[in-house]
Protein backbone atom coordinates (compact mmCIF):
# COMPACT_ATOMS: atom_id res chain seq x y z
CA UNK A 1 -21.29 94.32 -15.94
CA UNK A 2 -23.31 92.26 -13.45
CA UNK A 3 -22.21 91.47 -9.92
CA UNK A 4 -22.41 87.75 -9.10
CA UNK A 5 -23.06 86.59 -5.52
CA UNK A 6 -22.61 82.88 -4.80
CA UNK A 7 -24.95 80.71 -2.74
CA UNK A 8 -24.72 81.13 1.04
CA UNK A 9 -22.66 84.33 0.68
CA UNK A 10 -23.29 87.25 3.03
CA UNK A 11 -22.71 90.90 2.22
CA UNK A 12 -22.99 93.21 5.24
CA UNK A 13 -24.36 96.76 5.36
CA UNK A 14 -22.85 99.70 3.45
CA UNK A 15 -20.59 97.54 1.24
CA UNK A 16 -19.49 98.86 -2.14
CA UNK A 17 -19.07 96.12 -4.75
CA UNK A 18 -17.56 97.25 -8.05
CA UNK A 19 -19.21 96.20 -11.33
CA UNK A 20 -18.33 92.74 -12.63
CA UNK A 21 -17.14 91.37 -9.27
CA UNK A 22 -17.81 87.75 -8.25
CA UNK A 23 -18.45 87.03 -4.57
CA UNK A 24 -17.72 83.33 -4.07
CA UNK A 25 -20.00 80.74 -2.54
CA UNK A 26 -20.15 80.99 1.26
CA UNK A 27 -18.05 84.17 1.40
CA UNK A 28 -18.71 86.86 4.01
CA UNK A 29 -17.97 90.52 3.25
CA UNK A 30 -17.72 92.77 6.32
CA UNK A 31 -19.59 96.04 6.79
CA UNK A 32 -18.37 99.18 4.99
CA UNK A 33 -15.96 97.19 2.81
CA UNK A 34 -14.91 98.25 -0.68
CA UNK A 35 -14.75 95.19 -2.96
CA UNK A 36 -12.71 95.81 -6.12
CA UNK A 37 -11.48 92.24 -6.77
CA UNK A 38 -13.24 88.86 -6.83
CA UNK A 39 -13.89 87.38 -3.37
CA UNK A 40 -12.78 83.72 -3.07
CA UNK A 41 -15.33 81.15 -1.89
CA UNK A 42 -15.62 80.28 1.81
CA UNK A 43 -13.61 83.25 3.05
CA UNK A 44 -14.24 86.18 5.40
CA UNK A 45 -13.19 89.47 3.82
CA UNK A 46 -13.34 93.09 4.95
CA UNK A 47 -11.69 96.47 4.62
CA UNK A 48 -10.91 99.21 2.16
CA UNK A 49 -9.72 97.67 -0.06
CA UNK A 50 -11.40 94.39 0.84
CA UNK A 51 -8.91 91.66 1.87
CA UNK A 52 -9.22 88.06 2.97
CA UNK A 53 -9.16 87.93 6.76
CA UNK A 54 -9.70 84.23 7.29
CA UNK A 55 -11.27 81.12 5.87
CA UNK A 56 -14.66 79.81 6.89
CA UNK A 57 -15.31 76.23 8.03
CA UNK A 58 -11.66 75.22 8.48
CA UNK A 59 -11.71 75.46 12.26
CA UNK A 60 -14.40 72.76 12.46
CA UNK A 61 -13.38 69.14 11.79
CA UNK A 62 -14.90 67.64 8.63
CA UNK A 63 -16.74 65.04 10.75
CA UNK A 64 -18.77 67.83 12.35
CA UNK A 65 -19.48 69.60 9.05
CA UNK A 66 -20.83 66.57 7.24
CA UNK A 67 -24.25 65.44 8.37
CA UNK A 68 -23.94 61.74 9.15
CA UNK A 69 -27.17 61.35 11.09
CA UNK A 70 -29.72 58.66 10.21
CA UNK A 71 -32.28 61.36 9.51
CA UNK A 72 -30.23 62.95 6.70
CA UNK A 73 -27.54 60.51 5.58
CA UNK A 74 -25.03 61.77 3.03
CA UNK A 75 -23.51 59.77 0.25
CA UNK A 76 -19.79 59.20 -0.12
CA UNK A 77 -19.89 61.59 -3.09
CA UNK A 78 -21.19 64.41 -0.89
CA UNK A 79 -18.51 63.73 1.73
CA UNK A 80 -15.80 63.85 -0.94
CA UNK A 81 -17.27 67.11 -2.28
CA UNK A 82 -17.18 68.64 1.22
CA UNK A 83 -13.54 67.63 1.59
CA UNK A 84 -12.83 69.18 -1.82
CA UNK A 85 -14.22 72.53 -0.62
CA UNK A 86 -11.91 72.40 2.40
CA UNK A 87 -8.90 71.55 0.23
CA UNK A 88 -9.69 74.44 -2.11
CA UNK A 89 -10.09 76.82 0.83
CA UNK A 90 -6.70 75.76 2.19
CA UNK A 91 -5.03 76.59 -1.11
CA UNK A 92 -6.84 79.95 -1.24
CA UNK A 93 -5.62 80.80 2.25
CA UNK A 94 -2.06 80.02 1.19
CA UNK A 95 -2.37 82.38 -1.80
CA UNK A 96 -3.95 85.25 0.17
CA UNK A 97 -1.74 85.43 3.27
CA UNK A 98 -0.91 88.88 4.55
CA UNK A 99 2.73 89.95 4.21
């Protein structure tokens, strides 16, 4: 069973990833973690077993995440897509809160 690693995801040193696991886009897995379940996109995870520690990109306002410069203008579609990622990450955080 292949391991799938999404775009912009980081996996630190000495991490064990079980067969068939999906590491979501933009996820970060901390060093020496043991990943036995799928890692949600745009999260920071670590530990044994690996758990969601926090979300990525939510502490920065959307205006700073979206490139609105004249050099690289983004379309309204890209801005809506970026907001969709943030909305999805918020729902993931709600589902993965520590007890």
